[in-house]
């Protein structure tokens, strides 16, 4: 019985490590021509901590993984707007209030 519990525990730990290492949304993303950069880290509670630099503005906010992408709301120039970061066939798209921008993961 102890062997089975230990085996299950090791499998769970291994899967969590693989998931954390393989998360495609953790890292630094940018589009130099649009003066855009985004840094994303994952918190312990499975939320994502985001810092956005856009044309001289710096915004800190959090996002959640929903339907295979990071999404949420942030305050930009005094207005609440929705955002998402998605990946489609190894191309990342950052969408802010319906406008998408191709970004490169660094």
PDB file of N, CA and C in Angstrom:
ATOM      1  N   UNK A   1       0.819  -1.195   0.000  1.00  0.00           N
ATOM      2  CA  UNK A   1       0.000   0.000   0.000  1.00  0.00           C
ATOM      3  C   UNK A   1       0.863   1.258   0.000  1.00  0.00           C
ATOM      4  N   UNK A   2       1.937   1.230   0.809  1.00  0.00           N
ATOM      5  CA  UNK A   2       2.829   2.390   0.859  1.00  0.00           C
ATOM      6  C   UNK A   2       3.485   2.640  -0.487  1.00  0.00           C
ATOM      7  N   UNK A   3       3.813   1.546  -1.213  1.00  0.00           N
ATOM      8  CA  UNK A   3       4.429   1.687  -2.531  1.00  0.00           C
ATOM      9  C   UNK A   3       3.490   2.417  -3.492  1.00  0.00           C
ATOM     10  N   UNK A   4       2.211   2.070  -3.437  1.00  0.00           N
ATOM     11  CA  UNK A   4       1.245   2.681  -4.333  1.00  0.00           C
ATOM     12  C   UNK A   4       1.055   4.167  -4.020  1.00  0.00           C
ATOM     13  N   UNK A   5       0.998   4.498  -2.746  1.00  0.00           N
ATOM     14  CA  UNK A   5       0.836   5.894  -2.346  1.00  0.00           C
ATOM     15  C   UNK A   5       2.056   6.703  -2.775  1.00  0.00           C
ATOM     16  N   UNK A   6       3.251   6.157  -2.563  1.00  0.00           N
ATOM     17  CA  UNK A   6       4.475   6.839  -2.963  1.00  0.00           C
ATOM     18  C   UNK A   6       4.524   7.009  -4.480  1.00  0.00           C
ATOM     19  N   UNK A   7       4.140   5.967  -5.216  1.00  0.00           N
ATOM     20  CA  UNK A   7       4.124   6.043  -6.674  1.00  0.00           C
ATOM     21  C   UNK A   7       3.153   7.114  -7.155  1.00  0.00           C
ATOM     22  N   UNK A   8       1.971   7.152  -6.609  1.00  0.00           N
ATOM     23  CA  UNK A   8       0.978   8.166  -6.998  1.00  0.00           C
ATOM     24  C   UNK A   8       1.491   9.557  -6.669  1.00  0.00           C
ATOM     25  N   UNK A   9       2.087   9.720  -5.495  1.00  0.00           N
ATOM     26  CA  UNK A   9       2.637  11.004  -5.103  1.00  0.00           C
ATOM     27  C   UNK A   9       3.709  11.461  -6.091  1.00  0.00           C
ATOM     28  N   UNK A  10       4.619  10.559  -6.457  1.00  0.00           N
ATOM     29  CA  UNK A  10       5.684  10.911  -7.400  1.00  0.00           C
ATOM     30  C   UNK A  10       5.128  11.253  -8.778  1.00  0.00           C
ATOM     31  N   UNK A  11       4.107  10.562  -9.206  1.00  0.00           N
ATOM     32  CA  UNK A  11       3.477  10.872 -10.495  1.00  0.00           C
ATOM     33  C   UNK A  11       2.864  12.267 -10.462  1.00  0.00           C
ATOM     34  N   UNK A  12       2.158  12.595  -9.396  1.00  0.00           N
ATOM     35  CA  UNK A  12       1.533  13.917  -9.274  1.00  0.00           C
ATOM     36  C   UNK A  12       2.589  15.015  -9.270  1.00  0.00           C
ATOM     37  N   UNK A  13       3.650  14.839  -8.495  1.00  0.00           N
ATOM     38  CA  UNK A  13       4.728  15.838  -8.433  1.00  0.00           C
ATOM     39  C   UNK A  13       5.374  15.976  -9.810  1.00  0.00           C
ATOM     40  N   UNK A  14       5.633  14.873 -10.471  1.00  0.00           N
ATOM     41  CA  UNK A  14       6.237  14.914 -11.801  1.00  0.00           C
ATOM     42  C   UNK A  14       5.367  15.641 -12.811  1.00  0.00           C
ATOM     43  N   UNK A  15       4.069  15.386 -12.778  1.00  0.00           N
ATOM     44  CA  UNK A  15       3.152  16.068 -13.693  1.00  0.00           C
ATOM     45  C   UNK A  15       3.104  17.560 -13.421  1.00  0.00           C
ATOM     46  N   UNK A  16       3.121  17.957 -12.161  1.00  0.00           N
ATOM     47  CA  UNK A  16       3.116  19.376 -11.836  1.00  0.00           C
ATOM     48  C   UNK A  16       4.393  20.052 -12.306  1.00  0.00           C
ATOM     49  N   UNK A  17       5.532  19.400 -12.154  1.00  0.00           N
ATOM     50  CA  UNK A  17       6.788  19.968 -12.629  1.00  0.00           C
ATOM     51  C   UNK A  17       6.799  20.089 -14.147  1.00  0.00           C
ATOM     52  N   UNK A  18       6.304  19.079 -14.835  1.00  0.00           N
ATOM     53  CA  UNK A  18       6.240  19.140 -16.289  1.00  0.00           C
ATOM     54  C   UNK A  18       5.326  20.256 -16.751  1.00  0.00           C
ATOM     55  N   UNK A  19       4.199  20.435 -16.076  1.00  0.00           N
ATOM     56  CA  UNK A  19       3.257  21.473 -16.448  1.00  0.00           C
ATOM     57  C   UNK A  19       3.861  22.854 -16.221  1.00  0.00           C
ATOM     58  N   UNK A  20       4.555  23.045 -15.109  1.00  0.00           N
ATOM     59  CA  UNK A  20       5.161  24.341 -14.809  1.00  0.00           C
ATOM     60  C   UNK A  20       6.265  24.657 -15.803  1.00  0.00           C
ATOM     61  N   UNK A  21       7.077  23.661 -16.166  1.00  0.00           N
ATOM     62  CA  UNK A  21       8.164  23.896 -17.101  1.00  0.00           C
ATOM     63  C   UNK A  21       7.662  24.075 -18.521  1.00  0.00           C
ATOM     64  N   UNK A  22       6.554  23.471 -18.846  1.00  0.00           N
ATOM     65  CA  UNK A  22       6.066  23.504 -20.206  1.00  0.00           C
ATOM     66  C   UNK A  22       5.009  24.555 -20.477  1.00  0.00           C
ATOM     67  N   UNK A  23       4.770  25.464 -19.537  1.00  0.00           N
ATOM     68  CA  UNK A  23       3.730  26.478 -19.731  1.00  0.00           C
ATOM     69  C   UNK A  23       4.195  27.495 -20.774  1.00  0.00           C
ATOM     70  N   UNK A  24       3.563  27.535 -21.947  1.00  0.00           N
ATOM     71  CA  UNK A  24       4.027  28.426 -23.018  1.00  0.00           C
ATOM     72  C   UNK A  24       3.754  29.912 -22.750  1.00  0.00           C
ATOM     73  N   UNK A  25       3.016  30.225 -21.695  1.00  0.00           N
ATOM     74  CA  UNK A  25       2.661  31.621 -21.444  1.00  0.00           C
ATOM     75  C   UNK A  25       3.532  32.275 -20.374  1.00  0.00           C
ATOM     76  N   UNK A  26       4.509  31.570 -19.858  1.00  0.00           N
ATOM     77  CA  UNK A  26       5.429  32.167 -18.901  1.00  0.00           C
ATOM     78  C   UNK A  26       6.655  32.645 -19.667  1.00  0.00           C
ATOM     79  N   UNK A  27       6.987  33.914 -19.485  1.00  0.00           N
ATOM     80  CA  UNK A  27       8.163  34.443 -20.169  1.00  0.00           C
ATOM     81  C   UNK A  27       8.000  35.891 -20.558  1.00  0.00           C
ATOM     82  N   UNK A  28       8.824  36.304 -21.512  1.00  0.00           N
ATOM     83  CA  UNK A  28       8.853  37.682 -21.983  1.00  0.00           C
ATOM     84  C   UNK A  28       8.439  37.707 -23.454  1.00  0.00           C
ATOM     85  N   UNK A  29       7.482  38.556 -23.779  1.00  0.00           N
ATOM     86  CA  UNK A  29       6.949  38.673 -25.135  1.00  0.00           C
ATOM     87  C   UNK A  29       7.136  40.108 -25.602  1.00  0.00           C
ATOM     88  N   UNK A  30       7.400  40.294 -26.902  1.00  0.00           N
ATOM     89  CA  UNK A  30       7.552  41.662 -27.381  1.00  0.00           C
ATOM     90  C   UNK A  30       7.255  41.807 -28.863  1.00  0.00           C
ATOM     91  N   UNK A  31       6.973  43.055 -29.215  1.00  0.00           N
ATOM     92  CA  UNK A  31       6.854  43.491 -30.598  1.00  0.00           C
ATOM     93  C   UNK A  31       7.546  44.853 -30.634  1.00  0.00           C
ATOM     94  N   UNK A  32       8.789  44.863 -31.100  1.00  0.00           N
ATOM     95  CA  UNK A  32       9.610  46.079 -31.038  1.00  0.00           C
ATOM     96  C   UNK A  32       9.042  47.221 -31.869  1.00  0.00           C
ATOM     97  N   UNK A  33       8.461  46.919 -33.004  1.00  0.00           N
ATOM     98  CA  UNK A  33       7.948  47.993 -33.860  1.00  0.00           C
ATOM     99  C   UNK A  33       6.775  48.729 -33.230  1.00  0.00           C
ATOM    100  N   UNK A  34       6.034  48.079 -32.336  1.00  0.00           N
ATOM    101  CA  UNK A  34       4.894  48.702 -31.663  1.00  0.00           C
ATOM    102  C   UNK A  34       5.241  49.169 -30.250  1.00  0.00           C
ATOM    103  N   UNK A  35       6.540  49.111 -29.880  1.00  0.00           N
ATOM    104  CA  UNK A  35       6.990  49.493 -28.543  1.00  0.00           C
ATOM    105  C   UNK A  35       6.196  48.745 -27.466  1.00  0.00           C
ATOM    106  N   UNK A  36       6.146  47.433 -27.625  1.00  0.00           N
ATOM    107  CA  UNK A  36       5.344  46.571 -26.765  1.00  0.00           C
ATOM    108  C   UNK A  36       6.235  45.509 -26.135  1.00  0.00           C
ATOM    109  N   UNK A  37       6.083  45.308 -24.821  1.00  0.00           N
ATOM    110  CA  UNK A  37       6.686  44.151 -24.172  1.00  0.00           C
ATOM    111  C   UNK A  37       5.775  43.713 -23.033  1.00  0.00           C
ATOM    112  N   UNK A  38       5.789  42.427 -22.768  1.00  0.00           N
ATOM    113  CA  UNK A  38       4.928  41.833 -21.757  1.00  0.00           C
ATOM    114  C   UNK A  38       5.715  40.749 -21.047  1.00  0.00           C
ATOM    115  N   UNK A  39       5.766  40.811 -19.719  1.00  0.00           N
ATOM    116  CA  UNK A  39       6.420  39.787 -18.919  1.00  0.00           C
ATOM    117  C   UNK A  39       5.350  39.088 -18.090  1.00  0.00           C
ATOM    118  N   UNK A  40       5.323  37.762 -18.142  1.00  0.00           N
ATOM    119  CA  UNK A  40       4.318  36.977 -17.428  1.00  0.00           C
ATOM    120  C   UNK A  40       5.010  35.935 -16.558  1.00  0.00           C
ATOM    121  N   UNK A  41       4.592  35.895 -15.306  1.00  0.00           N
ATOM    122  CA  UNK A  41       5.023  34.874 -14.349  1.00  0.00           C
ATOM    123  C   UNK A  41       3.779  34.213 -13.778  1.00  0.00           C
ATOM    124  N   UNK A  42       3.930  32.982 -13.311  1.00  0.00           N
ATOM    125  CA  UNK A  42       2.804  32.270 -12.707  1.00  0.00           C
ATOM    126  C   UNK A  42       2.916  32.317 -11.197  1.00  0.00           C
ATOM    127  N   UNK A  43       1.817  32.649 -10.539  1.00  0.00           N
ATOM    128  CA  UNK A  43       1.777  32.691  -9.084  1.00  0.00           C
ATOM    129  C   UNK A  43       1.379  31.320  -8.536  1.00  0.00           C
ATOM    130  N   UNK A  44       1.528  31.160  -7.209  1.00  0.00           N
ATOM    131  CA  UNK A  44       1.187  29.893  -6.566  1.00  0.00           C
ATOM    132  C   UNK A  44      -0.289  29.538  -6.684  1.00  0.00           C
ATOM    133  N   UNK A  45      -1.173  30.536  -6.784  1.00  0.00           N
ATOM    134  CA  UNK A  45      -2.613  30.278  -6.838  1.00  0.00           C
ATOM    135  C   UNK A  45      -3.114  30.065  -8.271  1.00  0.00           C
ATOM    136  N   UNK A  46      -2.195  29.816  -9.209  1.00  0.00           N
ATOM    137  CA  UNK A  46      -2.483  29.572 -10.626  1.00  0.00           C
ATOM    138  C   UNK A  46      -2.923  30.803 -11.397  1.00  0.00           C
ATOM    139  N   UNK A  47      -2.901  31.988 -10.781  1.00  0.00           N
ATOM    140  CA  UNK A  47      -3.086  33.225 -11.531  1.00  0.00           C
ATOM    141  C   UNK A  47      -1.755  33.582 -12.184  1.00  0.00           C
ATOM    142  N   UNK A  48      -1.809  34.467 -13.149  1.00  0.00           N
ATOM    143  CA  UNK A  48      -0.614  34.918 -13.840  1.00  0.00           C
ATOM    144  C   UNK A  48      -0.386  36.392 -13.517  1.00  0.00           C
ATOM    145  N   UNK A  49       0.845  36.725 -13.166  1.00  0.00           N
ATOM    146  CA  UNK A  49       1.239  38.101 -12.876  1.00  0.00           C
ATOM    147  C   UNK A  49       1.811  38.690 -14.163  1.00  0.00           C
ATOM    148  N   UNK A  50       1.260  39.818 -14.607  1.00  0.00           N
ATOM    149  CA  UNK A  50       1.636  40.400 -15.888  1.00  0.00           C
ATOM    150  C   UNK A  50       2.123  41.838 -15.704  1.00  0.00           C
ATOM    151  N   UNK A  51       3.181  42.189 -16.431  1.00  0.00           N
ATOM    152  CA  UNK A  51       3.666  43.564 -16.482  1.00  0.00           C
ATOM    153  C   UNK A  51       3.787  43.930 -17.951  1.00  0.00           C
ATOM    154  N   UNK A  52       3.034  44.941 -18.359  1.00  0.00           N
ATOM    155  CA  UNK A  52       2.950  45.362 -19.755  1.00  0.00           C
ATOM    156  C   UNK A  52       3.610  46.722 -19.917  1.00  0.00           C
ATOM    157  N   UNK A  53       4.470  46.841 -20.915  1.00  0.00           N
ATOM    158  CA  UNK A  53       5.042  48.123 -21.326  1.00  0.00           C
ATOM    159  C   UNK A  53       4.514  48.388 -22.729  1.00  0.00           C
ATOM    160  N   UNK A  54       3.728  49.445 -22.875  1.00  0.00           N
ATOM    161  CA  UNK A  54       3.116  49.766 -24.167  1.00  0.00           C
ATOM    162  C   UNK A  54       3.254  51.252 -24.432  1.00  0.00           C
ATOM    163  N   UNK A  55       4.091  51.594 -25.403  1.00  0.00           N
ATOM    164  CA  UNK A  55       4.286  52.972 -25.845  1.00  0.00           C
ATOM    165  C   UNK A  55       4.486  53.923 -24.667  1.00  0.00           C
ATOM    166  N   UNK A  56       5.403  53.559 -23.775  1.00  0.00           N
ATOM    167  CA  UNK A  56       5.738  54.416 -22.645  1.00  0.00           C
ATOM    168  C   UNK A  56       4.890  54.221 -21.407  1.00  0.00           C
ATOM    169  N   UNK A  57       3.851  53.432 -21.466  1.00  0.00           N
ATOM    170  CA  UNK A  57       2.999  53.140 -20.308  1.00  0.00           C
ATOM    171  C   UNK A  57       3.401  51.805 -19.698  1.00  0.00           C
ATOM    172  N   UNK A  58       3.416  51.742 -18.361  1.00  0.00           N
ATOM    173  CA  UNK A  58       3.692  50.492 -17.659  1.00  0.00           C
ATOM    174  C   UNK A  58       2.471  50.122 -16.835  1.00  0.00           C
ATOM    175  N   UNK A  59       1.949  48.913 -17.051  1.00  0.00           N
ATOM    176  CA  UNK A  59       0.768  48.431 -16.349  1.00  0.00           C
ATOM    177  C   UNK A  59       1.064  47.084 -15.706  1.00  0.00           C
ATOM    178  N   UNK A  60       0.651  46.919 -14.476  1.00  0.00           N
ATOM    179  CA  UNK A  60       0.737  45.633 -13.789  1.00  0.00           C
ATOM    180  C   UNK A  60      -0.680  45.132 -13.555  1.00  0.00           C
ATOM    181  N   UNK A  61      -0.907  43.853 -13.819  1.00  0.00           N
ATOM    182  CA  UNK A  61      -2.239  43.285 -13.677  1.00  0.00           C
ATOM    183  C   UNK A  61      -2.110  41.781 -13.576  1.00  0.00           C
ATOM    184  N   UNK A  62      -3.219  41.096 -13.358  1.00  0.00           N
ATOM    185  CA  UNK A  62      -3.194  39.635 -13.299  1.00  0.00           C
ATOM    186  C   UNK A  62      -4.140  39.060 -14.333  1.00  0.00           C
ATOM    187  N   UNK A  63      -3.867  37.834 -14.702  1.00  0.00           N
ATOM    188  CA  UNK A  63      -4.703  37.135 -15.655  1.00  0.00           C
ATOM    189  C   UNK A  63      -4.935  35.711 -15.198  1.00  0.00           C
ATOM    190  N   UNK A  64      -5.825  35.046 -15.876  1.00  0.00           N
ATOM    191  CA  UNK A  64      -6.153  33.654 -15.584  1.00  0.00           C
ATOM    192  C   UNK A  64      -6.132  32.860 -16.881  1.00  0.00           C
ATOM    193  N   UNK A  65      -5.798  31.590 -16.762  1.00  0.00           N
ATOM    194  CA  UNK A  65      -5.805  30.732 -17.941  1.00  0.00           C
ATOM    195  C   UNK A  65      -7.213  30.213 -18.154  1.00  0.00           C
ATOM    196  N   UNK A  66      -7.793  30.576 -19.279  1.00  0.00           N
ATOM    197  CA  UNK A  66      -9.146  30.171 -19.631  1.00  0.00           C
ATOM    198  C   UNK A  66      -9.138  29.729 -21.095  1.00  0.00           C
ATOM    199  N   UNK A  67      -9.634  28.551 -21.366  1.00  0.00           N
ATOM    200  CA  UNK A  67      -9.735  28.020 -22.724  1.00  0.00           C
ATOM    201  C   UNK A  67      -8.404  28.041 -23.464  1.00  0.00           C
ATOM    202  N   UNK A  68      -7.299  27.750 -22.757  1.00  0.00           N
ATOM    203  CA  UNK A  68      -5.998  27.651 -23.391  1.00  0.00           C
ATOM    204  C   UNK A  68      -5.322  28.962 -23.696  1.00  0.00           C
ATOM    205  N   UNK A  69      -5.763  30.046 -23.069  1.00  0.00           N
ATOM    206  CA  UNK A  69      -5.099  31.340 -23.241  1.00  0.00           C
ATOM    207  C   UNK A  69      -5.162  32.112 -21.929  1.00  0.00           C
ATOM    208  N   UNK A  70      -4.321  33.120 -21.799  1.00  0.00           N
ATOM    209  CA  UNK A  70      -4.333  33.984 -20.634  1.00  0.00           C
ATOM    210  C   UNK A  70      -5.271  35.147 -20.947  1.00  0.00           C
ATOM    211  N   UNK A  71      -6.198  35.432 -20.043  1.00  0.00           N
ATOM    212  CA  UNK A  71      -7.122  36.529 -20.298  1.00  0.00           C
ATOM    213  C   UNK A  71      -7.544  37.191 -18.995  1.00  0.00           C
ATOM    214  N   UNK A  72      -8.151  38.356 -19.121  1.00  0.00           N
ATOM    215  CA  UNK A  72      -8.626  39.100 -17.964  1.00  0.00           C
ATOM    216  C   UNK A  72      -8.959  40.534 -18.337  1.00  0.00           C
ATOM    217  N   UNK A  73      -8.994  41.369 -17.309  1.00  0.00           N
ATOM    218  CA  UNK A  73      -9.303  42.792 -17.490  1.00  0.00           C
ATOM    219  C   UNK A  73      -8.150  43.609 -16.914  1.00  0.00           C
ATOM    220  N   UNK A  74      -7.901  44.777 -17.503  1.00  0.00           N
ATOM    221  CA  UNK A  74      -6.914  45.702 -16.972  1.00  0.00           C
ATOM    222  C   UNK A  74      -7.416  47.128 -17.192  1.00  0.00           C
ATOM    223  N   UNK A  75      -6.811  48.068 -16.463  1.00  0.00           N
ATOM    224  CA  UNK A  75      -7.160  49.482 -16.613  1.00  0.00           C
ATOM    225  C   UNK A  75      -6.113  50.127 -17.509  1.00  0.00           C
ATOM    226  N   UNK A  76      -6.538  50.653 -18.654  1.00  0.00           N
ATOM    227  CA  UNK A  76      -5.642  51.314 -19.606  1.00  0.00           C
ATOM    228  C   UNK A  76      -6.200  52.686 -19.927  1.00  0.00           C
ATOM    229  N   UNK A  77      -5.419  53.719 -19.633  1.00  0.00           N
ATOM    230  CA  UNK A  77      -5.814  55.118 -19.847  1.00  0.00           C
ATOM    231  C   UNK A  77      -7.180  55.401 -19.226  1.00  0.00           C
ATOM    232  N   UNK A  78      -7.369  54.887 -18.004  1.00  0.00           N
ATOM    233  CA  UNK A  78      -8.582  55.162 -17.245  1.00  0.00           C
ATOM    234  C   UNK A  78      -9.791  54.312 -17.596  1.00  0.00           C
ATOM    235  N   UNK A  79      -9.648  53.406 -18.538  1.00  0.00           N
ATOM    236  CA  UNK A  79     -10.774  52.568 -18.943  1.00  0.00           C
ATOM    237  C   UNK A  79     -10.462  51.099 -18.683  1.00  0.00           C
ATOM    238  N   UNK A  80     -11.475  50.347 -18.310  1.00  0.00           N
ATOM    239  CA  UNK A  80     -11.339  48.914 -18.124  1.00  0.00           C
ATOM    240  C   UNK A  80     -11.460  48.236 -19.492  1.00  0.00           C
ATOM    241  N   UNK A  81     -10.424  47.488 -19.864  1.00  0.00           N
ATOM    242  CA  UNK A  81     -10.428  46.815 -21.165  1.00  0.00           C
ATOM    243  C   UNK A  81     -10.049  45.346 -20.972  1.00  0.00           C
ATOM    244  N   UNK A  82     -10.507  44.518 -21.863  1.00  0.00           N
ATOM    245  CA  UNK A  82     -10.185  43.096 -21.798  1.00  0.00           C
ATOM    246  C   UNK A  82      -8.906  42.827 -22.587  1.00  0.00           C
ATOM    247  N   UNK A  83      -8.193  41.785 -22.164  1.00  0.00           N
ATOM    248  CA  UNK A  83      -6.976  41.392 -22.863  1.00  0.00           C
ATOM    249  C   UNK A  83      -6.920  39.876 -22.929  1.00  0.00           C
ATOM    250  N   UNK A  84      -6.098  39.396 -23.840  1.00  0.00           N
ATOM    251  CA  UNK A  84      -5.789  37.964 -23.887  1.00  0.00           C
ATOM    252  C   UNK A  84      -4.434  37.771 -24.546  1.00  0.00           C
ATOM    253  N   UNK A  85      -3.780  36.698 -24.181  1.00  0.00           N
ATOM    254  CA  UNK A  85      -2.562  36.249 -24.843  1.00  0.00           C
ATOM    255  C   UNK A  85      -2.841  34.819 -25.268  1.00  0.00           C
ATOM    256  N   UNK A  86      -2.790  34.573 -26.558  1.00  0.00           N
ATOM    257  CA  UNK A  86      -3.090  33.242 -27.075  1.00  0.00           C
ATOM    258  C   UNK A  86      -1.953  32.765 -27.968  1.00  0.00           C
ATOM    259  N   UNK A  87      -1.938  31.481 -28.197  1.00  0.00           N
ATOM    260  CA  UNK A  87      -0.920  30.862 -29.045  1.00  0.00           C
ATOM    261  C   UNK A  87      -1.636  29.998 -30.066  1.00  0.00           C
ATOM    262  N   UNK A  88      -1.312  30.229 -31.329  1.00  0.00           N
ATOM    263  CA  UNK A  88      -1.907  29.444 -32.403  1.00  0.00           C
ATOM    264  C   UNK A  88      -0.797  29.057 -33.365  1.00  0.00           C
ATOM    265  N   UNK A  89      -0.518  27.778 -33.459  1.00  0.00           N
ATOM    266  CA  UNK A  89       0.535  27.255 -34.334  1.00  0.00           C
ATOM    267  C   UNK A  89       1.859  27.983 -34.136  1.00  0.00           C
ATOM    268  N   UNK A  90       2.308  28.074 -32.879  1.00  0.00           N
ATOM    269  CA  UNK A  90       3.583  28.685 -32.489  1.00  0.00           C
ATOM    270  C   UNK A  90       3.671  30.184 -32.750  1.00  0.00           C
ATOM    271  N   UNK A  91       2.555  30.845 -32.964  1.00  0.00           N
ATOM    272  CA  UNK A  91       2.503  32.308 -33.088  1.00  0.00           C
ATOM    273  C   UNK A  91       1.680  32.825 -31.924  1.00  0.00           C
ATOM    274  N   UNK A  92       2.228  33.809 -31.197  1.00  0.00           N
ATOM    275  CA  UNK A  92       1.547  34.397 -30.052  1.00  0.00           C
ATOM    276  C   UNK A  92       0.829  35.673 -30.488  1.00  0.00           C
ATOM    277  N   UNK A  93      -0.384  35.852 -29.967  1.00  0.00           N
ATOM    278  CA  UNK A  93      -1.188  37.034 -30.243  1.00  0.00           C
ATOM    279  C   UNK A  93      -1.587  37.675 -28.926  1.00  0.00           C
ATOM    280  N   UNK A  94      -1.289  38.956 -28.774  1.00  0.00           N
ATOM    281  CA  UNK A  94      -1.784  39.707 -27.630  1.00  0.00           C
ATOM    282  C   UNK A  94      -2.933  40.565 -28.130  1.00  0.00           C
ATOM    283  N   UNK A  95      -4.092  40.407 -27.520  1.00  0.00           N
ATOM    284  CA  UNK A  95      -5.284  41.154 -27.931  1.00  0.00           C
ATOM    285  C   UNK A  95      -5.697  42.065 -26.791  1.00  0.00           C
ATOM    286  N   UNK A  96      -5.842  43.344 -27.106  1.00  0.00           N
ATOM    287  CA  UNK A  96      -6.261  44.343 -26.133  1.00  0.00           C
ATOM    288  C   UNK A  96      -7.498  45.028 -26.683  1.00  0.00           C
ATOM    289  N   UNK A  97      -8.611  44.788 -26.027  1.00  0.00           N
ATOM    290  CA  UNK A  97      -9.886  45.391 -26.401  1.00  0.00           C
ATOM    291  C   UNK A  97     -10.231  45.166 -27.881  1.00  0.00           C
ATOM    292  N   UNK A  98      -9.982  43.937 -28.354  1.00  0.00           N
ATOM    293  CA  UNK A  98     -10.368  43.567 -29.705  1.00  0.00           C
ATOM    294  C   UNK A  98      -9.314  43.803 -30.770  1.00  0.00           C
ATOM    295  N   UNK A  99      -8.191  44.443 -30.435  1.00  0.00           N
ATOM    296  CA  UNK A  99      -7.121  44.690 -31.408  1.00  0.00           C
ATOM    297  C   UNK A  99      -5.976  43.728 -31.108  1.00  0.00           C
ATOM    298  N   UNK A 100      -5.600  42.910 -32.108  1.00  0.00           N
ATOM    299  CA  UNK A 100      -4.570  41.903 -31.904  1.00  0.00           C
ATOM    300  C   UNK A 100      -3.217  42.366 -32.429  1.00  0.00           C
ATOM    301  N   UNK A 101      -2.188  41.903 -31.747  1.00  0.00           N
ATOM    302  CA  UNK A 101      -0.811  42.225 -32.097  1.00  0.00           C
ATOM    303  C   UNK A 101      -0.012  40.932 -32.030  1.00  0.00           C
ATOM    304  N   UNK A 102       0.739  40.619 -33.079  1.00  0.00           N
ATOM    305  CA  UNK A 102       1.610  39.442 -33.068  1.00  0.00           C
ATOM    306  C   UNK A 102       2.811  39.786 -32.204  1.00  0.00           C
ATOM    307  N   UNK A 103       3.129  38.912 -31.248  1.00  0.00           N
ATOM    308  CA  UNK A 103       4.276  39.127 -30.371  1.00  0.00           C
ATOM    309  C   UNK A 103       5.204  37.924 -30.443  1.00  0.00           C
ATOM    310  N   UNK A 104       6.468  38.182 -30.180  1.00  0.00           N
ATOM    311  CA  UNK A 104       7.485  37.138 -30.218  1.00  0.00           C
ATOM    312  C   UNK A 104       7.920  36.814 -28.804  1.00  0.00           C
ATOM    313  N   UNK A 105       7.984  35.535 -28.480  1.00  0.00           N
ATOM    314  CA  UNK A 105       8.451  35.117 -27.161  1.00  0.00           C
ATOM    315  C   UNK A 105       9.967  35.131 -27.165  1.00  0.00           C
ATOM    316  N   UNK A 106      10.546  35.817 -26.197  1.00  0.00           N
ATOM    317  CA  UNK A 106      12.009  35.943 -26.090  1.00  0.00           C
ATOM    318  C   UNK A 106      12.543  34.881 -25.173  1.00  0.00           C
TER     319      UNK A 106
END
